[in-house]
Amino acid sequence: MKNGLEKMFAAVVGLLLLSVPMIAHHGGAAFDTAKRTTMKGTVVDWLWANPHCILRFDVTNDKGEVEHWLAETSNPPDMINAGWNKQSLKPGDQVSVTLIPVKNGRPIGRLAEVVLPNGQKLGSGFGPVPVPAGAQGGTSTGSTGEPKSESYPKP
């Protein structure tokens, strides 16, 4: 009886220890949740995979230089529930991407919305992306496709 209880205790502790990294994995500390960046770009790759789908796209900045961006989305089942599929994006598609940028300024972010070439809007698969309290309007897109950021007041 005592041996069985010890094994049960060890199994529970082991599961708890394994769950800590999984919780940390889904943190949002790297993202500047008070900002949204919208830009027009060209799809390079649409990776449909677990644990997150990834959109790689190129944007031409004000200087005429190509910036390589990466946007993280949710997992395929969540993406299907949000209206996406494996063929939603193809290399060469011209899209408008709204994302929550990372704090360090690198060309990476969490996808908030994509406007497809046919005008259809698709969300991130993470569920509704909340706009911070007191936010005005939405996001801006420059006529040349350059990224425009808007800061929202922190609650």
N, C-alpha and C. Protein backbone atom coordinates (compact mmCIF):
# COMPACT_ATOMS: atom_id res chain seq x y z
N MET A 1 0.84 -1.19 0.00
CA MET A 1 0.00 0.00 0.00
C MET A 1 0.88 1.24 0.00
N LYS A 2 1.91 1.25 0.86
CA LYS A 2 2.78 2.41 0.96
C LYS A 2 3.52 2.63 -0.37
N ASN A 3 3.97 1.58 -1.03
CA ASN A 3 4.68 1.67 -2.29
C ASN A 3 3.78 2.27 -3.38
N GLY A 4 2.52 1.89 -3.40
CA GLY A 4 1.57 2.42 -4.38
C GLY A 4 1.31 3.91 -4.17
N LEU A 5 1.23 4.33 -2.92
CA LEU A 5 1.02 5.74 -2.60
C LEU A 5 2.23 6.57 -3.00
N GLU A 6 3.42 6.04 -2.80
CA GLU A 6 4.64 6.74 -3.19
C GLU A 6 4.71 6.91 -4.71
N LYS A 7 4.31 5.87 -5.44
CA LYS A 7 4.31 5.96 -6.90
C LYS A 7 3.30 6.99 -7.39
N MET A 8 2.15 7.02 -6.76
CA MET A 8 1.10 7.99 -7.13
C MET A 8 1.60 9.40 -6.87
N PHE A 9 2.22 9.62 -5.70
CA PHE A 9 2.75 10.93 -5.36
C PHE A 9 3.82 11.37 -6.36
N ALA A 10 4.72 10.46 -6.71
CA ALA A 10 5.79 10.76 -7.67
C ALA A 10 5.21 11.11 -9.04
N ALA A 11 4.16 10.41 -9.45
CA ALA A 11 3.53 10.69 -10.74
C ALA A 11 2.89 12.07 -10.74
N VAL A 12 2.20 12.43 -9.67
CA VAL A 12 1.56 13.75 -9.58
C VAL A 12 2.62 14.86 -9.59
N VAL A 13 3.67 14.71 -8.83
CA VAL A 13 4.75 15.71 -8.79
C VAL A 13 5.38 15.82 -10.18
N GLY A 14 5.61 14.70 -10.84
CA GLY A 14 6.19 14.72 -12.19
C GLY A 14 5.32 15.47 -13.18
N LEU A 15 4.01 15.24 -13.12
CA LEU A 15 3.10 15.96 -14.02
C LEU A 15 3.09 17.45 -13.73
N LEU A 16 3.12 17.82 -12.47
CA LEU A 16 3.16 19.24 -12.11
C LEU A 16 4.44 19.90 -12.62
N LEU A 17 5.56 19.22 -12.50
CA LEU A 17 6.82 19.77 -12.97
C LEU A 17 6.82 19.94 -14.49
N LEU A 18 6.21 19.02 -15.19
CA LEU A 18 6.13 19.12 -16.65
C LEU A 18 5.20 20.25 -17.10
N SER A 19 4.20 20.56 -16.31
CA SER A 19 3.24 21.59 -16.71
C SER A 19 3.79 23.00 -16.59
N VAL A 20 4.78 23.23 -15.75
CA VAL A 20 5.34 24.58 -15.57
C VAL A 20 5.92 25.13 -16.88
N PRO A 21 6.78 24.39 -17.62
CA PRO A 21 7.28 24.93 -18.87
C PRO A 21 6.17 25.17 -19.90
N MET A 22 5.14 24.37 -19.88
CA MET A 22 4.05 24.56 -20.83
C MET A 22 3.31 25.87 -20.55
N ILE A 23 3.12 26.22 -19.30
CA ILE A 23 2.47 27.49 -18.96
C ILE A 23 3.36 28.64 -19.38
N ALA A 24 4.64 28.54 -19.12
CA ALA A 24 5.57 29.61 -19.48
C ALA A 24 5.63 29.81 -20.99
N HIS A 25 5.50 28.74 -21.74
CA HIS A 25 5.54 28.81 -23.20
C HIS A 25 4.46 29.74 -23.74
N HIS A 26 3.32 29.81 -23.11
CA HIS A 26 2.21 30.60 -23.62
C HIS A 26 2.14 32.00 -23.04
N GLY A 27 3.23 32.48 -22.49
CA GLY A 27 3.26 33.83 -21.96
C GLY A 27 3.28 34.85 -23.09
N GLY A 28 2.92 36.08 -22.77
CA GLY A 28 2.90 37.14 -23.76
C GLY A 28 3.84 38.28 -23.41
N ALA A 29 4.79 38.03 -22.52
CA ALA A 29 5.67 39.09 -22.05
C ALA A 29 6.53 39.70 -23.16
N ALA A 30 6.83 38.95 -24.20
CA ALA A 30 7.68 39.47 -25.28
C ALA A 30 6.94 40.45 -26.17
N PHE A 31 5.60 40.43 -26.14
CA PHE A 31 4.80 41.25 -27.04
C PHE A 31 4.40 42.57 -26.39
N ASP A 32 4.40 43.64 -27.20
CA ASP A 32 3.95 44.95 -26.74
C ASP A 32 2.45 45.02 -26.98
N THR A 33 1.69 44.56 -26.00
CA THR A 33 0.24 44.42 -26.16
C THR A 33 -0.49 45.75 -26.26
N ALA A 34 0.22 46.86 -26.04
CA ALA A 34 -0.40 48.17 -26.17
C ALA A 34 -0.29 48.71 -27.60
N LYS A 35 0.33 47.95 -28.51
CA LYS A 35 0.52 48.41 -29.89
C LYS A 35 -0.07 47.42 -30.89
N ARG A 36 -0.46 47.96 -32.02
CA ARG A 36 -0.84 47.17 -33.19
C ARG A 36 -0.08 47.76 -34.37
N THR A 37 0.48 46.92 -35.21
CA THR A 37 1.18 47.36 -36.40
C THR A 37 0.49 46.74 -37.60
N THR A 38 0.13 47.57 -38.56
CA THR A 38 -0.51 47.09 -39.78
C THR A 38 0.37 47.43 -40.96
N MET A 39 0.58 46.45 -41.84
CA MET A 39 1.41 46.68 -43.01
C MET A 39 0.94 45.81 -44.16
N LYS A 40 1.25 46.26 -45.38
CA LYS A 40 0.96 45.47 -46.56
C LYS A 40 2.23 44.74 -46.95
N GLY A 41 2.07 43.48 -47.32
CA GLY A 41 3.25 42.71 -47.67
C GLY A 41 2.93 41.56 -48.61
N THR A 42 3.97 40.83 -48.94
CA THR A 42 3.88 39.68 -49.84
C THR A 42 4.19 38.41 -49.06
N VAL A 43 3.30 37.45 -49.13
CA VAL A 43 3.49 36.18 -48.43
C VAL A 43 4.70 35.45 -49.00
N VAL A 44 5.59 35.03 -48.11
CA VAL A 44 6.75 34.22 -48.47
C VAL A 44 6.44 32.76 -48.18
N ASP A 45 5.85 32.51 -47.00
CA ASP A 45 5.58 31.14 -46.59
C ASP A 45 4.45 31.13 -45.57
N TRP A 46 3.62 30.11 -45.63
CA TRP A 46 2.54 29.88 -44.66
C TRP A 46 2.77 28.49 -44.11
N LEU A 47 3.30 28.43 -42.89
CA LEU A 47 3.64 27.15 -42.26
C LEU A 47 2.48 26.72 -41.38
N TRP A 48 1.84 25.63 -41.76
CA TRP A 48 0.69 25.06 -41.07
C TRP A 48 1.20 23.94 -40.19
N ALA A 49 1.47 24.23 -38.90
CA ALA A 49 2.10 23.22 -38.04
C ALA A 49 1.79 23.49 -36.58
N ASN A 50 1.96 22.45 -35.77
CA ASN A 50 1.87 22.58 -34.32
C ASN A 50 3.24 22.95 -33.79
N PRO A 51 3.38 23.68 -32.72
CA PRO A 51 2.31 24.16 -31.87
C PRO A 51 1.70 25.48 -32.35
N HIS A 52 2.34 26.15 -33.33
CA HIS A 52 1.81 27.41 -33.85
C HIS A 52 2.02 27.45 -35.36
N CYS A 53 1.05 27.99 -36.07
CA CYS A 53 1.23 28.26 -37.49
C CYS A 53 2.05 29.56 -37.59
N ILE A 54 2.82 29.68 -38.66
CA ILE A 54 3.70 30.83 -38.84
C ILE A 54 3.48 31.43 -40.23
N LEU A 55 3.34 32.74 -40.27
CA LEU A 55 3.26 33.47 -41.53
C LEU A 55 4.55 34.24 -41.70
N ARG A 56 5.25 33.97 -42.81
CA ARG A 56 6.44 34.74 -43.17
C ARG A 56 6.04 35.62 -44.34
N PHE A 57 6.34 36.92 -44.24
CA PHE A 57 5.99 37.84 -45.32
C PHE A 57 7.02 38.95 -45.41
N ASP A 58 7.11 39.56 -46.61
CA ASP A 58 8.06 40.63 -46.86
C ASP A 58 7.32 41.94 -47.03
N VAL A 59 7.90 42.99 -46.47
CA VAL A 59 7.36 44.35 -46.55
C VAL A 59 8.45 45.26 -47.07
N THR A 60 8.10 46.15 -48.00
CA THR A 60 9.05 47.14 -48.47
C THR A 60 8.90 48.40 -47.62
N ASN A 61 9.98 48.83 -46.98
CA ASN A 61 9.92 49.99 -46.08
C ASN A 61 10.04 51.30 -46.87
N ASP A 62 10.05 52.42 -46.16
CA ASP A 62 10.13 53.75 -46.79
C ASP A 62 11.39 53.95 -47.62
N LYS A 63 12.46 53.24 -47.28
CA LYS A 63 13.73 53.37 -47.99
C LYS A 63 13.82 52.45 -49.19
N GLY A 64 12.76 51.68 -49.44
CA GLY A 64 12.77 50.74 -50.57
C GLY A 64 13.42 49.42 -50.25
N GLU A 65 13.77 49.21 -48.98
CA GLU A 65 14.41 47.97 -48.56
C GLU A 65 13.34 46.95 -48.16
N VAL A 66 13.63 45.70 -48.44
CA VAL A 66 12.70 44.63 -48.08
C VAL A 66 12.99 44.17 -46.65
N GLU A 67 11.95 44.17 -45.82
CA GLU A 67 12.05 43.67 -44.45
C GLU A 67 11.34 42.32 -44.40
N HIS A 68 11.98 41.35 -43.78
CA HIS A 68 11.42 40.00 -43.65
C HIS A 68 10.71 39.91 -42.29
N TRP A 69 9.41 39.72 -42.31
CA TRP A 69 8.59 39.66 -41.09
C TRP A 69 8.13 38.23 -40.82
N LEU A 70 7.88 37.97 -39.55
CA LEU A 70 7.36 36.68 -39.11
C LEU A 70 6.22 36.93 -38.13
N ALA A 71 5.07 36.29 -38.37
CA ALA A 71 3.92 36.44 -37.48
C ALA A 71 3.49 35.08 -36.96
N GLU A 72 3.40 34.97 -35.65
CA GLU A 72 2.96 33.75 -34.99
C GLU A 72 1.43 33.74 -34.89
N THR A 73 0.86 32.59 -35.13
CA THR A 73 -0.59 32.42 -34.94
C THR A 73 -0.80 31.30 -33.94
N SER A 74 -2.01 30.84 -33.84
CA SER A 74 -2.32 29.73 -32.94
C SER A 74 -2.06 28.41 -33.65
N ASN A 75 -2.55 27.32 -33.07
CA ASN A 75 -2.36 25.98 -33.64
C ASN A 75 -3.41 25.70 -34.73
N PRO A 76 -3.17 24.71 -35.59
CA PRO A 76 -4.12 24.44 -36.68
C PRO A 76 -5.58 24.25 -36.26
N PRO A 77 -5.90 23.50 -35.20
CA PRO A 77 -7.32 23.39 -34.84
C PRO A 77 -7.97 24.74 -34.51
N ASP A 78 -7.26 25.60 -33.79
CA ASP A 78 -7.78 26.93 -33.50
C ASP A 78 -7.92 27.74 -34.77
N MET A 79 -6.95 27.60 -35.67
CA MET A 79 -6.99 28.35 -36.93
C MET A 79 -8.19 27.91 -37.79
N ILE A 80 -8.48 26.62 -37.80
CA ILE A 80 -9.65 26.13 -38.54
C ILE A 80 -10.91 26.76 -37.97
N ASN A 81 -11.01 26.82 -36.65
CA ASN A 81 -12.18 27.43 -36.00
C ASN A 81 -12.30 28.92 -36.33
N ALA A 82 -11.18 29.57 -36.66
CA ALA A 82 -11.18 30.99 -37.01
C ALA A 82 -11.36 31.21 -38.51
N GLY A 83 -11.58 30.12 -39.27
CA GLY A 83 -11.83 30.26 -40.71
C GLY A 83 -10.64 30.01 -41.61
N TRP A 84 -9.52 29.63 -41.07
CA TRP A 84 -8.31 29.39 -41.85
C TRP A 84 -8.26 27.94 -42.34
N ASN A 85 -7.39 27.69 -43.31
CA ASN A 85 -7.04 26.33 -43.70
C ASN A 85 -5.61 26.34 -44.22
N LYS A 86 -5.12 25.17 -44.56
CA LYS A 86 -3.73 25.02 -44.98
C LYS A 86 -3.43 25.81 -46.26
N GLN A 87 -4.45 26.06 -47.07
CA GLN A 87 -4.27 26.79 -48.33
C GLN A 87 -4.74 28.24 -48.26
N SER A 88 -4.98 28.77 -47.08
CA SER A 88 -5.47 30.15 -46.95
C SER A 88 -4.51 31.16 -47.58
N LEU A 89 -3.22 30.91 -47.47
CA LEU A 89 -2.21 31.82 -48.00
C LEU A 89 -1.26 31.06 -48.91
N LYS A 90 -0.87 31.73 -49.98
CA LYS A 90 0.09 31.14 -50.91
C LYS A 90 1.23 32.12 -51.12
N PRO A 91 2.45 31.62 -51.34
CA PRO A 91 3.56 32.53 -51.64
C PRO A 91 3.19 33.45 -52.81
N GLY A 92 3.48 34.73 -52.62
CA GLY A 92 3.16 35.73 -53.63
C GLY A 92 1.88 36.49 -53.36
N ASP A 93 1.01 35.98 -52.48
CA ASP A 93 -0.23 36.70 -52.15
C ASP A 93 0.11 38.05 -51.53
N GLN A 94 -0.62 39.08 -51.94
CA GLN A 94 -0.50 40.41 -51.35
C GLN A 94 -1.52 40.50 -50.22
N VAL A 95 -1.08 40.72 -49.00
CA VAL A 95 -1.96 40.73 -47.85
C VAL A 95 -1.70 41.97 -47.00
N SER A 96 -2.67 42.30 -46.19
CA SER A 96 -2.52 43.33 -45.16
C SER A 96 -2.51 42.60 -43.83
N VAL A 97 -1.47 42.81 -43.05
CA VAL A 97 -1.27 42.08 -41.80
C VAL A 97 -1.28 43.06 -40.63
N THR A 98 -2.10 42.75 -39.63
CA THR A 98 -2.08 43.50 -38.37
C THR A 98 -1.54 42.56 -37.31
N LEU A 99 -0.51 43.02 -36.61
CA LEU A 99 0.06 42.17 -35.57
C LEU A 99 0.40 42.97 -34.32
N ILE A 100 0.63 42.23 -33.27
CA ILE A 100 1.08 42.79 -31.99
C ILE A 100 2.60 42.59 -32.01
N PRO A 101 3.36 43.68 -32.13
CA PRO A 101 4.81 43.52 -32.29
C PRO A 101 5.50 43.11 -30.99
N VAL A 102 6.71 42.56 -31.15
CA VAL A 102 7.52 42.26 -29.98
C VAL A 102 8.11 43.57 -29.45
N LYS A 103 8.46 43.58 -28.19
CA LYS A 103 8.96 44.79 -27.53
C LYS A 103 10.34 45.22 -28.00
N ASN A 104 11.16 44.27 -28.46
CA ASN A 104 12.54 44.61 -28.81
C ASN A 104 12.70 45.22 -30.20
N GLY A 105 11.60 45.41 -30.93
CA GLY A 105 11.67 46.07 -32.23
C GLY A 105 12.01 45.19 -33.41
N ARG A 106 12.24 43.92 -33.19
CA ARG A 106 12.55 43.00 -34.30
C ARG A 106 11.30 42.80 -35.15
N PRO A 107 11.43 42.37 -36.38
CA PRO A 107 10.27 42.20 -37.27
C PRO A 107 9.50 40.90 -37.01
N ILE A 108 8.98 40.80 -35.80
CA ILE A 108 8.27 39.62 -35.34
C ILE A 108 7.05 40.08 -34.57
N GLY A 109 5.97 39.32 -34.64
CA GLY A 109 4.80 39.67 -33.85
C GLY A 109 3.80 38.54 -33.78
N ARG A 110 2.77 38.77 -32.99
CA ARG A 110 1.65 37.83 -32.87
C ARG A 110 0.55 38.36 -33.77
N LEU A 111 0.07 37.53 -34.67
CA LEU A 111 -0.94 37.93 -35.63
C LEU A 111 -2.23 38.33 -34.94
N ALA A 112 -2.78 39.46 -35.35
CA ALA A 112 -4.09 39.90 -34.86
C ALA A 112 -5.13 39.72 -35.97
N GLU A 113 -4.75 40.05 -37.22
CA GLU A 113 -5.69 39.93 -38.34
C GLU A 113 -4.93 39.96 -39.66
N VAL A 114 -5.46 39.25 -40.65
CA VAL A 114 -4.95 39.30 -42.01
C VAL A 114 -6.11 39.60 -42.93
N VAL A 115 -5.88 40.50 -43.88
CA VAL A 115 -6.86 40.74 -44.93
C VAL A 115 -6.30 40.07 -46.18
N LEU A 116 -7.02 39.07 -46.66
CA LEU A 116 -6.61 38.27 -47.81
C LEU A 116 -6.76 39.07 -49.11
N PRO A 117 -6.16 38.59 -50.21
CA PRO A 117 -6.29 39.30 -51.48
C PRO A 117 -7.74 39.52 -51.93
N ASN A 118 -8.65 38.64 -51.53
CA ASN A 118 -10.06 38.79 -51.92
C ASN A 118 -10.84 39.69 -50.96
N GLY A 119 -10.16 40.28 -49.97
CA GLY A 119 -10.80 41.19 -49.02
C GLY A 119 -11.30 40.51 -47.75
N GLN A 120 -11.28 39.18 -47.72
CA GLN A 120 -11.73 38.46 -46.53
C GLN A 120 -10.78 38.72 -45.36
N LYS A 121 -11.34 38.95 -44.17
CA LYS A 121 -10.55 39.17 -42.97
C LYS A 121 -10.56 37.91 -42.11
N LEU A 122 -9.37 37.52 -41.66
CA LEU A 122 -9.23 36.36 -40.78
C LEU A 122 -8.47 36.77 -39.53
N GLY A 123 -8.92 36.28 -38.38
CA GLY A 123 -8.26 36.57 -37.10
C GLY A 123 -7.11 35.64 -36.84
N SER A 124 -6.58 35.73 -35.65
CA SER A 124 -5.34 35.03 -35.29
C SER A 124 -5.52 33.58 -34.87
N GLY A 125 -6.74 33.19 -34.51
CA GLY A 125 -6.95 31.87 -33.97
C GLY A 125 -6.81 31.85 -32.47
N PHE A 126 -6.27 32.93 -31.87
CA PHE A 126 -6.13 33.02 -30.42
C PHE A 126 -7.44 33.46 -29.77
N GLY A 127 -8.46 33.69 -30.56
CA GLY A 127 -9.70 34.27 -30.06
C GLY A 127 -9.62 35.76 -30.27
N PRO A 128 -10.61 36.50 -29.82
CA PRO A 128 -10.58 37.95 -30.04
C PRO A 128 -9.35 38.57 -29.39
N VAL A 129 -8.66 39.39 -30.15
CA VAL A 129 -7.50 40.08 -29.61
C VAL A 129 -8.00 41.38 -29.02
N PRO A 130 -7.94 41.53 -27.69
CA PRO A 130 -8.51 42.71 -27.06
C PRO A 130 -7.74 43.97 -27.42
N VAL A 131 -8.48 45.05 -27.60
CA VAL A 131 -7.87 46.37 -27.78
C VAL A 131 -7.79 46.98 -26.38
N PRO A 132 -6.65 47.49 -26.00
CA PRO A 132 -6.50 48.04 -24.66
C PRO A 132 -7.54 49.12 -24.36
N ALA A 133 -7.91 49.24 -23.09
CA ALA A 133 -8.89 50.24 -22.67
C ALA A 133 -8.43 51.62 -23.08
N GLY A 134 -9.37 52.42 -23.57
CA GLY A 134 -9.07 53.79 -23.96
C GLY A 134 -8.49 53.92 -25.35
N ALA A 135 -8.43 52.81 -26.11
CA ALA A 135 -7.86 52.86 -27.46
C ALA A 135 -8.76 53.66 -28.38
N GLN A 136 -8.13 54.41 -29.24
CA GLN A 136 -8.86 55.20 -30.23
C GLN A 136 -8.67 54.55 -31.59
N GLY A 137 -9.74 54.49 -32.36
CA GLY A 137 -9.62 54.02 -33.74
C GLY A 137 -9.06 52.64 -33.85
N GLY A 138 -8.20 52.46 -34.84
CA GLY A 138 -7.64 51.15 -35.09
C GLY A 138 -6.19 51.26 -35.42
N THR A 139 -5.83 50.76 -36.59
CA THR A 139 -4.45 50.79 -37.00
C THR A 139 -4.33 51.54 -38.32
N SER A 140 -3.13 51.88 -38.69
CA SER A 140 -2.90 52.63 -39.91
C SER A 140 -2.06 51.81 -40.86
N THR A 141 -2.32 52.01 -42.13
CA THR A 141 -1.50 51.39 -43.16
C THR A 141 -1.05 52.49 -44.09
N GLY A 142 0.22 52.60 -44.31
CA GLY A 142 0.73 53.61 -45.23
C GLY A 142 0.44 53.23 -46.67
N SER A 143 0.40 54.22 -47.54
CA SER A 143 0.10 53.97 -48.95
C SER A 143 1.19 53.17 -49.63
N THR A 144 2.41 53.22 -49.12
CA THR A 144 3.49 52.46 -49.72
C THR A 144 3.68 51.11 -49.05
N GLY A 145 2.84 50.81 -48.07
CA GLY A 145 2.93 49.52 -47.40
C GLY A 145 3.85 49.53 -46.19
N GLU A 146 4.41 50.69 -45.86
CA GLU A 146 5.33 50.74 -44.73
C GLU A 146 4.57 50.49 -43.44
N PRO A 147 5.23 49.89 -42.46
CA PRO A 147 4.56 49.63 -41.19
C PRO A 147 4.24 50.94 -40.49
N LYS A 148 3.08 51.00 -39.92
CA LYS A 148 2.66 52.13 -39.10
C LYS A 148 2.25 51.56 -37.76
N SER A 149 2.72 52.14 -36.68
CA SER A 149 2.36 51.67 -35.35
C SER A 149 1.55 52.72 -34.64
N GLU A 150 0.63 52.26 -33.83
CA GLU A 150 -0.12 53.14 -32.96
C GLU A 150 0.04 52.64 -31.55
N SER A 151 0.33 53.54 -30.66
CA SER A 151 0.41 53.18 -29.25
C SER A 151 -0.94 53.48 -28.62
N TYR A 152 -1.38 52.59 -27.81
CA TYR A 152 -2.62 52.77 -27.07
C TYR A 152 -2.26 53.09 -25.63
N PRO A 153 -3.03 53.95 -25.00
CA PRO A 153 -2.73 54.24 -23.59
C PRO A 153 -2.88 52.99 -22.74
N LYS A 154 -1.99 52.83 -21.80
CA LYS A 154 -2.06 51.66 -20.92
C LYS A 154 -3.16 51.90 -19.89
N PRO A 155 -3.94 50.85 -19.59
CA PRO A 155 -5.03 51.00 -18.62
C PRO A 155 -4.52 51.31 -17.24
